[in-house]
Amino acid sequence: MNLLQMLARQKAIVDAAKAEGNRALSVEEKREFDELQSKIDALRAQGDPNEPTPAPVDNSERALAAERQRALEITSLCRDFGLNAEEYIKDGHSIDQVRQFILEKQIKDRAPQPSGIQMGKDERDKFRDAAADGLALRVGMNVEKPNDGAGELRNLSLRELAKESLIIEGVNNAYRLSDDELLRQHLTPTSLFTNIIDQTARNVFQQAYTDAATTYQHWTRRGTLTDFRPTKTYQVGTAGELLLVSENGELKHDDPNGVEGPTRQLLTYGRQFSMSRQAFINDDVSFIETIPALYAQSARLGINRLVYQTLAKNPAIWDGKTLFHADHKNVMATGGAPSVDTLSQARQLLRKQTAAGGDVKLNIPARFMLVPTSLETKAGQLIGSTVDPSQANPNIPNPFYNQFTIVSDAELDDASVNGELEWYVTSDILRSPIQVDFLNGKDMPTIVMKQAPAGQLGFLWDIYMDYGVTVVDYQTVVKNNGK
């Protein structure tokens, strides 16, 4: 490897770290970078006239040296104060910022505490928390430790709760205001009552999202992206075999293989819903109980549906071929329901997959069986039986007894024409064929209360979420067409 090639390799190492959220170099990457740097320094010291003068490589050397120095200084400083330096290094804080954090912490920790004086919540905060718990109890939510007063406030209608809130805020004639005056003049997004409504709606929303009946999260890989730009990924290839070296022999240089993989990208999905003037006047608390929950479930079920459609629709992927293709060696030759024979084929196909650019067998393990609901019972009987269910002789053991996790989802039944017959075998989550990415790792939708537009009385909420579903590997999944 000449000087230009070594510099190019250093640049590739640094660029890969930048592309993955500007992370720090791994131990292996640092070791390779330093070894290359030693060789570069040796060549430059020799002044080899045959080596061309390289162009600057995006300040890679200088950037890495600065990063090492930053990490060293932060580690030393945190050690002196008994702090964990990893968080500051990972988040990209400068040494000056870390010094400021430590100073503020020291001031806070050493500040004198007033004897016998407790700083508590003001009346507004107490009322808001109690009213939110009371409203949550009224709509049927489970509140483990309700705030004082929640039991009494749960009996108030929405209008009565709004007027009590206005009195706390200093509107003394609140009980003389008409419903329209309440909505038009006083119940703004920053008012106490709307905060109570919003907090309850958020709690209902978050609980419903968590409880949504989805299955994609059990077998797909979860990732994170920091923006909406397309992000290219690369599949790890193979390195050359280690060759026999004779006494005083020379090691032969080798460059590892690698191929370009999928492009991941985030998209934004959202909706808006409102609580009308009529719902407020009619004291329709069922709105708060049901509508946010419906949209929360819809948000997560949308991810679930997209994942299974991506799998079952057999889309074209980054190499121009469909996900399940003869060239990808991931379609079982014998179609049929799950059985010892068909699972044996699936397991063999996964194990015989080869690394990109080589013939080395990957020996990928089979972990999950993905089936439509039409095959859920048969799959359960097969995996739960100690003997082969298809054999008349009960003494033949079942080699797949309790060897698979069965994931059944109704989306597979209708995802394609033969959905009720098709099923899949995949590897573990870290080698899942599908990855679900979220913006900065946030997998919960954002719900925001807004001011209703002019001429509209009521309350508005925006719901939106940023995620992307991508096929990231075709070698870790096998399909049976069912016939």
Protein backbone atom coordinates (compact mmCIF):
# COMPACT_ATOMS: atom_id res chain seq x y z
CA MET A 1 0.00 0.00 0.00
CA ASN A 2 1.52 3.31 -1.07
CA LEU A 3 1.24 6.67 0.68
CA LEU A 4 -1.87 7.79 -1.19
CA GLN A 5 -3.67 4.52 -0.46
CA MET A 6 -2.85 4.74 3.25
CA LEU A 7 -4.12 8.31 3.45
CA ALA A 8 -7.26 7.31 1.57
CA ARG A 9 -7.85 4.48 4.04
CA GLN A 10 -7.45 6.88 6.98
CA LYS A 11 -10.00 9.19 5.39
CA ALA A 12 -12.43 6.28 4.92
CA ILE A 13 -12.14 5.37 8.62
CA VAL A 14 -12.88 8.92 9.77
CA ASP A 15 -15.68 9.41 7.22
CA ALA A 16 -17.40 6.22 8.38
CA ALA A 17 -17.40 7.48 11.97
CA LYS A 18 -18.78 10.86 10.89
CA ALA A 19 -21.54 9.23 8.84
CA GLU A 20 -22.69 7.25 11.90
CA GLY A 21 -23.63 10.23 14.02
CA ASN A 22 -20.08 11.62 14.36
CA ARG A 23 -19.25 8.81 16.81
CA ALA A 24 -15.83 8.17 18.32
CA LEU A 25 -13.58 5.66 16.60
CA SER A 26 -13.72 2.09 17.88
CA VAL A 27 -10.67 0.39 19.37
CA GLU A 28 -10.03 -1.49 16.12
CA GLU A 29 -10.42 1.68 14.02
CA LYS A 30 -8.03 3.64 16.25
CA ARG A 31 -5.48 0.84 16.09
CA GLU A 32 -5.66 0.67 12.29
CA PHE A 33 -5.50 4.48 11.98
CA ASP A 34 -2.42 4.67 14.23
CA GLU A 35 -0.67 1.84 12.38
CA LEU A 36 -1.28 3.61 9.09
CA GLN A 37 0.00 6.86 10.59
CA SER A 38 3.23 5.15 11.69
CA LYS A 39 3.78 3.87 8.18
CA ILE A 40 3.00 7.28 6.70
CA ASP A 41 5.46 8.99 9.04
CA ALA A 42 8.14 6.44 8.14
CA LEU A 43 7.65 7.01 4.41
CA ARG A 44 7.75 10.78 4.83
CA ALA A 45 10.90 10.53 6.92
CA GLN A 46 12.57 8.52 4.15
CA GLY A 47 11.61 11.15 1.61
CA ASP A 48 10.92 8.57 -1.09
CA PRO A 49 11.13 10.47 -4.42
CA ASN A 50 8.89 7.91 -6.08
CA GLU A 51 5.97 8.79 -3.80
CA PRO A 52 3.78 11.64 -5.11
CA THR A 53 2.95 14.48 -2.78
CA PRO A 54 -0.59 13.76 -1.57
CA ALA A 55 -3.34 16.30 -1.40
CA PRO A 56 -4.72 17.10 2.06
CA VAL A 57 -7.21 14.45 3.24
CA ASP A 58 -9.91 16.63 4.76
CA ASN A 59 -7.73 17.32 7.83
CA SER A 60 -8.35 13.72 8.98
CA GLU A 61 -5.11 13.46 10.93
CA ARG A 62 -5.57 16.81 12.62
CA ALA A 63 -9.23 16.07 13.44
CA LEU A 64 -8.40 12.71 15.00
CA ALA A 65 -5.54 14.17 17.02
CA ALA A 66 -7.83 16.92 18.32
CA GLU A 67 -10.50 14.34 19.24
CA ARG A 68 -7.97 12.23 21.14
CA GLN A 69 -6.74 15.29 23.03
CA ARG A 70 -10.34 16.33 23.90
CA ALA A 71 -11.15 12.86 25.23
CA LEU A 72 -7.91 12.74 27.23
CA GLU A 73 -8.48 16.13 28.87
CA ILE A 74 -12.13 15.40 29.72
CA THR A 75 -11.20 12.00 31.18
CA SER A 76 -8.48 13.55 33.35
CA LEU A 77 -10.74 16.37 34.55
CA CYS A 78 -13.67 14.06 35.39
CA ARG A 79 -11.37 11.67 37.24
CA ASP A 80 -10.33 14.48 39.58
CA PHE A 81 -13.97 15.09 40.55
CA GLY A 82 -15.15 11.47 40.57
CA LEU A 83 -17.37 11.84 37.50
CA ASN A 84 -18.05 9.59 34.50
CA ALA A 85 -16.38 11.09 31.43
CA GLU A 86 -18.00 8.82 28.85
CA GLU A 87 -21.24 10.79 28.67
CA TYR A 88 -19.47 14.10 28.03
CA ILE A 89 -17.15 12.57 25.42
CA LYS A 90 -19.98 10.81 23.60
CA ASP A 91 -22.18 13.96 23.51
CA GLY A 92 -19.37 16.02 21.95
CA HIS A 93 -18.93 18.52 24.79
CA SER A 94 -15.80 20.69 24.74
CA ILE A 95 -13.38 20.78 27.66
CA ASP A 96 -14.64 24.29 28.55
CA GLN A 97 -18.24 23.07 28.68
CA VAL A 98 -17.25 20.20 30.96
CA ARG A 99 -15.43 22.63 33.27
CA GLN A 100 -18.60 24.75 33.45
CA PHE A 101 -20.77 21.68 34.24
CA ILE A 102 -18.43 20.65 37.03
CA LEU A 103 -18.33 24.18 38.45
CA GLU A 104 -22.11 24.45 38.50
CA LYS A 105 -22.38 21.03 40.14
CA GLN A 106 -19.90 21.99 42.83
CA ILE A 107 -21.79 25.21 43.58
CA LYS A 108 -25.10 23.37 43.76
CA ASP A 109 -23.76 20.55 45.96
CA ARG A 110 -22.18 22.97 48.42
CA ALA A 111 -25.04 25.46 48.61
CA PRO A 112 -26.34 25.87 52.21
CA GLN A 113 -29.74 24.31 52.88
CA PRO A 114 -32.21 26.38 54.93
CA SER A 115 -33.06 24.65 58.20
CA GLY A 116 -36.65 23.44 58.47
CA ILE A 117 -37.80 25.16 55.24
CA GLN A 118 -39.35 23.08 52.44
CA MET A 119 -39.92 24.63 49.02
CA GLY A 120 -43.15 23.12 47.73
CA LYS A 121 -45.49 23.58 44.79
CA ASP A 122 -47.63 26.66 44.52
CA GLU A 123 -51.43 26.39 44.54
CA ARG A 124 -51.64 26.45 40.75
CA ASP A 125 -49.31 23.45 40.36
CA LYS A 126 -51.07 21.51 43.11
CA PHE A 127 -54.46 22.12 41.54
CA ARG A 128 -53.24 21.17 38.05
CA ASP A 129 -51.73 17.87 39.21
CA ALA A 130 -54.77 16.97 41.32
CA ALA A 131 -57.21 17.93 38.54
CA ALA A 132 -55.22 15.95 35.94
CA ASP A 133 -55.30 12.87 38.19
CA GLY A 134 -59.01 13.42 38.86
CA LEU A 135 -59.80 13.65 35.15
CA ALA A 136 -57.67 10.58 34.47
CA LEU A 137 -59.62 8.66 37.11
CA ARG A 138 -62.89 9.86 35.62
CA VAL A 139 -62.00 8.55 32.14
CA GLY A 140 -61.03 5.18 33.60
CA MET A 141 -57.23 5.37 33.73
CA ASN A 142 -55.32 3.67 36.52
CA VAL A 143 -53.54 6.26 38.68
CA GLU A 144 -51.29 4.52 41.19
CA LYS A 145 -50.90 7.39 43.66
CA PRO A 146 -53.39 10.20 42.92
CA ASN A 147 -52.48 13.67 44.19
CA ASP A 148 -54.40 15.09 47.14
CA GLY A 149 -57.78 16.41 46.03
CA ALA A 150 -58.00 14.21 42.91
CA GLY A 151 -60.96 12.28 44.36
CA GLU A 152 -63.01 15.45 44.79
CA LEU A 153 -62.09 17.00 41.45
CA ARG A 154 -62.97 13.86 39.51
CA ASN A 155 -66.65 14.66 40.15
CA LEU A 156 -66.53 18.02 38.35
CA SER A 157 -67.83 18.42 34.82
CA LEU A 158 -65.48 19.87 32.19
CA ARG A 159 -67.19 23.27 32.46
CA GLU A 160 -66.96 23.26 36.25
CA LEU A 161 -63.32 22.21 36.06
CA ALA A 162 -62.65 25.04 33.60
CA LYS A 163 -64.24 27.62 35.89
CA GLU A 164 -62.39 26.31 38.96
CA SER A 165 -59.17 26.61 36.95
CA LEU A 166 -59.95 30.21 36.01
CA ILE A 167 -60.62 31.13 39.63
CA ILE A 168 -57.17 29.75 40.55
CA GLU A 169 -55.79 32.00 37.79
CA GLY A 170 -57.56 35.07 39.23
CA VAL A 171 -60.71 35.27 37.08
CA ASN A 172 -63.16 35.88 39.94
CA ASN A 173 -66.32 36.01 37.79
CA ALA A 174 -65.60 32.67 36.15
CA TYR A 175 -68.89 31.10 37.24
CA ARG A 176 -70.83 33.88 35.54
CA LEU A 177 -69.18 33.34 32.14
CA SER A 178 -71.07 31.61 29.36
CA ASP A 179 -69.61 28.53 27.64
CA ASP A 180 -68.72 30.53 24.53
CA GLU A 181 -67.01 33.21 26.62
CA LEU A 182 -64.96 30.49 28.31
CA LEU A 183 -63.85 29.04 24.98
CA ARG A 184 -63.37 32.31 23.15
CA GLN A 185 -61.68 34.49 25.78
CA HIS A 186 -60.10 32.42 28.49
CA LEU A 187 -59.30 28.83 27.49
CA THR A 188 -56.09 29.48 25.55
CA PRO A 189 -53.29 26.88 25.06
CA THR A 190 -51.45 28.40 28.04
CA SER A 191 -54.37 28.40 30.46
CA LEU A 192 -54.52 26.06 33.43
CA PHE A 193 -57.57 24.17 32.19
CA THR A 194 -56.12 23.42 28.76
CA ASN A 195 -52.92 22.22 30.44
CA ILE A 196 -55.02 19.77 32.46
CA ILE A 197 -56.85 18.56 29.34
CA ASP A 198 -53.59 18.32 27.41
CA GLN A 199 -51.79 16.41 30.16
CA THR A 200 -54.61 13.88 30.41
CA ALA A 201 -54.78 13.45 26.64
CA ARG A 202 -51.00 12.87 26.54
CA ASN A 203 -51.19 10.24 29.28
CA VAL A 204 -54.00 8.43 27.47
CA PHE A 205 -52.08 8.69 24.19
CA GLN A 206 -48.79 7.36 25.55
CA GLN A 207 -50.44 4.46 27.38
CA ALA A 208 -52.43 3.46 24.30
CA TYR A 209 -49.34 3.62 22.08
CA THR A 210 -47.42 1.37 24.47
CA ASP A 211 -50.32 -1.10 24.69
CA ALA A 212 -51.00 -1.25 20.93
CA ALA A 213 -51.20 -4.85 19.66
CA THR A 214 -48.17 -4.89 17.36
CA THR A 215 -45.54 -7.56 16.76
CA TYR A 216 -42.90 -5.93 14.54
CA GLN A 217 -40.82 -4.89 17.56
CA HIS A 218 -40.26 -8.52 18.57
CA TRP A 219 -38.04 -9.38 15.56
CA THR A 220 -36.99 -6.21 13.70
CA ARG A 221 -33.86 -4.21 14.33
CA ARG A 222 -34.30 -0.73 15.81
CA GLY A 223 -32.06 2.10 14.59
CA THR A 224 -31.66 5.84 14.80
CA LEU A 225 -30.98 8.60 12.29
CA THR A 226 -30.16 12.20 13.16
CA ASP A 227 -31.78 13.91 10.15
CA PHE A 228 -33.91 13.32 7.07
CA ARG A 229 -31.11 12.97 4.52
CA PRO A 230 -30.68 9.58 2.78
CA THR A 231 -28.03 7.57 4.61
CA LYS A 232 -26.04 4.95 2.71
CA THR A 233 -24.92 1.80 4.48
CA TYR A 234 -22.43 -0.87 3.54
CA GLN A 235 -22.43 -4.60 4.02
CA VAL A 236 -19.37 -6.09 5.62
CA GLY A 237 -17.57 -8.42 3.23
CA THR A 238 -14.75 -10.89 3.68
CA ALA A 239 -11.03 -10.72 4.24
CA GLY A 240 -8.56 -13.02 2.54
CA GLU A 241 -7.59 -16.28 4.21
CA LEU A 242 -4.41 -16.32 6.27
CA LEU A 243 -1.72 -17.91 4.11
CA LEU A 244 1.09 -20.21 5.17
CA VAL A 245 4.28 -18.19 5.66
CA SER A 246 7.59 -19.97 5.27
CA GLU A 247 10.57 -19.25 7.48
CA ASN A 248 11.73 -15.67 6.79
CA GLY A 249 8.85 -15.43 4.33
CA GLU A 250 6.94 -12.28 3.44
CA LEU A 251 3.32 -11.60 4.40
CA LYS A 252 1.12 -10.91 1.38
CA HIS A 253 -1.01 -7.78 1.51
CA ASP A 254 -4.79 -8.12 1.31
CA ASP A 255 -7.71 -5.65 1.06
CA PRO A 256 -11.02 -6.75 2.65
CA ASN A 257 -14.09 -6.92 0.44
CA GLY A 258 -17.24 -4.91 0.99
CA VAL A 259 -20.33 -3.96 -1.00
CA GLU A 260 -22.71 -1.04 -0.98
CA GLY A 261 -25.90 -1.75 0.93
CA PRO A 262 -29.29 -0.09 1.42
CA THR A 263 -30.10 3.59 1.79
CA ARG A 264 -32.02 4.44 4.96
CA GLN A 265 -34.19 7.53 5.25
CA LEU A 266 -36.78 8.97 7.62
CA LEU A 267 -40.25 10.15 6.62
CA THR A 268 -42.79 12.09 8.66
CA TYR A 269 -46.28 10.73 9.33
CA GLY A 270 -48.93 12.78 11.11
CA ARG A 271 -52.55 13.71 11.77
CA GLN A 272 -54.56 16.38 13.56
CA PHE A 273 -57.65 15.91 15.70
CA SER A 274 -59.82 18.29 17.68
CA MET A 275 -62.14 18.45 20.66
CA SER A 276 -65.17 20.45 19.55
CA ARG A 277 -67.19 23.09 21.35
CA GLN A 278 -70.08 20.62 21.51
CA ALA A 279 -67.93 18.00 23.24
CA PHE A 280 -66.90 20.58 25.85
CA ILE A 281 -70.48 21.77 26.50
CA ASN A 282 -71.83 18.21 26.56
CA ASP A 283 -69.17 17.21 29.11
CA ASP A 284 -68.00 14.48 26.74
CA VAL A 285 -65.08 13.04 28.71
CA SER A 286 -65.27 9.91 26.56
CA PHE A 287 -63.56 12.00 23.90
CA ILE A 288 -60.43 12.26 26.06
CA GLU A 289 -60.65 8.56 26.85
CA THR A 290 -61.04 7.29 23.28
CA ILE A 291 -59.87 9.71 20.58
CA PRO A 292 -56.21 10.17 21.66
CA ALA A 293 -56.02 6.40 22.23
CA LEU A 294 -57.36 5.69 18.75
CA TYR A 295 -54.74 7.89 17.10
CA ALA A 296 -51.99 6.44 19.29
CA GLN A 297 -52.91 2.90 18.28
CA SER A 298 -53.19 4.00 14.65
CA ALA A 299 -49.67 5.45 14.79
CA ARG A 300 -48.06 2.25 16.01
CA LEU A 301 -50.22 -0.04 13.91
CA GLY A 302 -49.09 2.03 10.92
CA ILE A 303 -45.47 1.06 11.62
CA ASN A 304 -46.53 -2.55 12.07
CA ARG A 305 -48.39 -2.58 8.76
CA LEU A 306 -45.52 -0.97 6.85
CA VAL A 307 -43.02 -3.50 8.23
CA TYR A 308 -45.07 -6.53 7.15
CA GLN A 309 -45.97 -5.03 3.79
CA THR A 310 -42.29 -4.35 3.16
CA LEU A 311 -41.56 -8.00 3.90
CA ALA A 312 -44.48 -9.57 2.03
CA LYS A 313 -44.63 -7.32 -1.04
CA ASN A 314 -41.14 -8.53 -1.98
CA PRO A 315 -39.81 -5.12 -3.09
CA ALA A 316 -36.73 -4.48 -5.23
CA ILE A 317 -33.76 -3.65 -3.00
CA TRP A 318 -30.41 -1.93 -3.44
CA ASP A 319 -28.94 -4.52 -5.84
CA GLY A 320 -31.85 -4.15 -8.27
CA LYS A 321 -33.31 -7.57 -7.44
CA THR A 322 -36.33 -8.37 -5.31
CA LEU A 323 -35.83 -9.16 -1.63
CA PHE A 324 -36.68 -12.83 -2.20
CA HIS A 325 -34.90 -13.90 -5.36
CA ALA A 326 -33.22 -17.04 -6.67
CA ASP A 327 -29.90 -15.17 -6.82
CA HIS A 328 -30.26 -14.30 -3.13
CA LYS A 329 -30.72 -17.99 -2.26
CA ASN A 330 -33.45 -17.21 0.26
CA VAL A 331 -36.52 -18.97 -1.20
CA MET A 332 -37.28 -22.54 -0.11
CA ALA A 333 -37.43 -25.04 -2.98
CA THR A 334 -40.32 -26.97 -1.42
CA GLY A 335 -43.49 -24.99 -0.78
CA GLY A 336 -45.76 -26.02 2.05
CA ALA A 337 -46.85 -25.41 5.61
CA PRO A 338 -44.31 -25.41 8.44
CA SER A 339 -42.94 -28.92 8.99
CA VAL A 340 -39.69 -30.59 9.99
CA ASP A 341 -38.72 -30.88 6.31
CA THR A 342 -39.49 -27.26 5.36
CA LEU A 343 -37.80 -25.90 8.50
CA SER A 344 -34.75 -28.01 7.69
CA GLN A 345 -34.59 -26.34 4.27
CA ALA A 346 -34.92 -22.89 5.83
CA ARG A 347 -32.18 -23.56 8.37
CA GLN A 348 -29.84 -24.88 5.69
CA LEU A 349 -30.40 -21.86 3.41
CA LEU A 350 -29.55 -19.47 6.23
CA ARG A 351 -26.43 -21.34 7.27
CA LYS A 352 -25.10 -21.61 3.70
CA GLN A 353 -25.32 -17.89 2.95
CA THR A 354 -21.89 -16.48 2.07
CA ALA A 355 -20.25 -13.20 2.98
CA ALA A 356 -20.30 -10.45 0.37
CA GLY A 357 -17.45 -10.79 -2.10
CA GLY A 358 -16.39 -14.25 -0.94
CA ASP A 359 -17.26 -17.90 -0.39
CA VAL A 360 -17.00 -18.00 3.41
CA LYS A 361 -20.16 -19.51 4.89
CA LEU A 362 -21.89 -17.20 7.41
CA ASN A 363 -23.66 -19.98 9.36
CA ILE A 364 -26.56 -17.66 10.17
CA PRO A 365 -28.76 -19.10 12.96
CA ALA A 366 -32.52 -19.44 12.56
CA ARG A 367 -34.44 -17.84 15.44
CA PHE A 368 -37.90 -16.52 14.43
CA MET A 369 -40.75 -18.04 12.44
CA LEU A 370 -43.06 -15.35 11.02
CA VAL A 371 -46.47 -16.75 10.09
CA PRO A 372 -49.92 -15.43 9.17
CA THR A 373 -52.70 -16.17 11.63
CA SER A 374 -53.89 -18.96 9.32
CA LEU A 375 -50.71 -20.93 10.15
CA GLU A 376 -50.29 -19.88 13.79
CA THR A 377 -51.88 -23.02 15.24
CA LYS A 378 -49.96 -25.41 12.99
CA ALA A 379 -46.68 -23.64 13.72
CA GLY A 380 -47.36 -23.76 17.45
CA GLN A 381 -48.13 -27.49 17.32
CA LEU A 382 -44.92 -28.15 15.40
CA ILE A 383 -42.57 -26.15 17.62
CA GLY A 384 -44.30 -27.27 20.82
CA SER A 385 -44.16 -31.00 20.05
CA THR A 386 -41.33 -33.20 21.30
CA VAL A 387 -41.89 -35.64 18.42
CA ASP A 388 -42.30 -35.06 14.70
CA PRO A 389 -46.08 -34.47 14.24
CA SER A 390 -45.95 -35.65 10.62
CA GLN A 391 -44.63 -39.12 11.47
CA ALA A 392 -46.81 -42.11 12.29
CA ASN A 393 -44.05 -43.46 14.52
CA PRO A 394 -44.23 -41.46 17.77
CA ASN A 395 -40.63 -42.31 18.63
CA ILE A 396 -39.09 -39.96 16.04
CA PRO A 397 -37.97 -36.81 17.91
CA ASN A 398 -38.69 -33.32 16.68
CA PRO A 399 -35.34 -31.52 16.19
CA PHE A 400 -37.09 -28.12 16.26
CA TYR A 401 -38.86 -28.56 19.60
CA ASN A 402 -38.83 -25.12 21.30
CA GLN A 403 -36.13 -23.93 18.86
CA PHE A 404 -38.08 -21.03 17.34
CA THR A 405 -39.97 -17.99 18.56
CA ILE A 406 -43.25 -17.84 16.64
CA VAL A 407 -44.47 -14.38 15.63
CA SER A 408 -47.93 -14.32 14.09
CA ASP A 409 -49.50 -11.18 12.68
CA ALA A 410 -52.76 -10.66 10.81
CA GLU A 411 -51.06 -8.20 8.45
CA LEU A 412 -49.37 -11.17 6.75
CA ASP A 413 -52.71 -12.80 5.92
CA ASP A 414 -53.75 -10.01 3.55
CA ALA A 415 -50.38 -8.55 2.55
CA SER A 416 -50.28 -10.55 -0.70
CA VAL A 417 -52.55 -12.78 -2.80
CA ASN A 418 -51.16 -15.92 -1.15
CA GLY A 419 -50.66 -14.26 2.25
CA GLU A 420 -52.43 -17.00 4.18
CA LEU A 421 -49.97 -19.59 2.81
CA GLU A 422 -46.65 -17.72 2.90
CA TRP A 423 -44.33 -17.76 5.92
CA TYR A 424 -40.77 -16.77 6.79
CA VAL A 425 -37.79 -17.71 8.94
CA THR A 426 -35.39 -15.01 10.15
CA SER A 427 -32.32 -14.80 12.35
CA ASP A 428 -31.95 -12.92 15.64
CA ILE A 429 -32.87 -9.26 16.11
CA LEU A 430 -29.33 -7.96 15.57
CA ARG A 431 -29.35 -9.66 12.15
CA SER A 432 -32.95 -8.84 11.30
CA PRO A 433 -33.62 -8.29 7.59
CA ILE A 434 -35.68 -5.16 8.35
CA GLN A 435 -34.67 -2.12 10.36
CA VAL A 436 -37.02 0.51 11.78
CA ASP A 437 -35.25 3.86 12.25
CA PHE A 438 -36.49 6.76 14.39
CA LEU A 439 -35.34 10.37 14.49
CA ASN A 440 -32.75 10.54 17.27
CA GLY A 441 -34.09 7.24 18.60
CA LYS A 442 -37.47 8.69 19.63
CA ASP A 443 -40.02 5.92 19.04
CA MET A 444 -42.98 7.72 20.65
CA PRO A 445 -45.10 10.10 18.51
CA THR A 446 -45.09 13.78 19.40
CA ILE A 447 -48.49 15.16 20.46
CA VAL A 448 -48.83 18.95 20.62
CA MET A 449 -51.84 21.04 21.67
CA LYS A 450 -52.47 24.08 19.44
CA GLN A 451 -54.59 27.20 19.34
CA ALA A 452 -57.69 26.64 17.22
CA PRO A 453 -57.82 28.87 14.12
CA ALA A 454 -59.96 32.00 14.07
CA GLY A 455 -63.66 31.21 13.91
CA GLN A 456 -63.28 27.74 15.42
CA LEU A 457 -64.08 27.02 19.06
CA GLY A 458 -62.48 24.00 20.67
CA PHE A 459 -59.07 22.40 21.09
CA LEU A 460 -56.61 21.03 18.51
CA TRP A 461 -53.82 18.47 18.76
CA ASP A 462 -51.13 17.69 16.20
CA ILE A 463 -49.66 14.19 16.16
CA TYR A 464 -46.56 13.38 14.14
CA MET A 465 -43.77 10.86 14.08
CA ASP A 466 -40.55 10.44 12.10
CA TYR A 467 -39.53 6.92 11.14
CA GLY A 468 -38.32 4.80 8.25
CA VAL A 469 -38.65 1.09 7.42
CA THR A 470 -35.82 -0.39 5.34
CA VAL A 471 -34.74 -3.82 4.12
CA VAL A 472 -31.14 -3.99 5.35
CA ASP A 473 -30.23 -7.64 4.68
CA TYR A 474 -31.57 -10.37 2.39
CA GLN A 475 -29.28 -13.11 3.72
CA THR A 476 -30.93 -13.32 7.15
CA VAL A 477 -34.46 -14.19 6.00
CA VAL A 478 -35.91 -17.15 4.10
CA LYS A 479 -39.37 -17.36 2.54
CA ASN A 480 -41.68 -20.31 1.89
CA ASN A 481 -44.28 -19.56 -0.77
CA GLY A 482 -46.66 -22.08 0.78
CA LYS A 483 -47.39 -23.99 -2.41
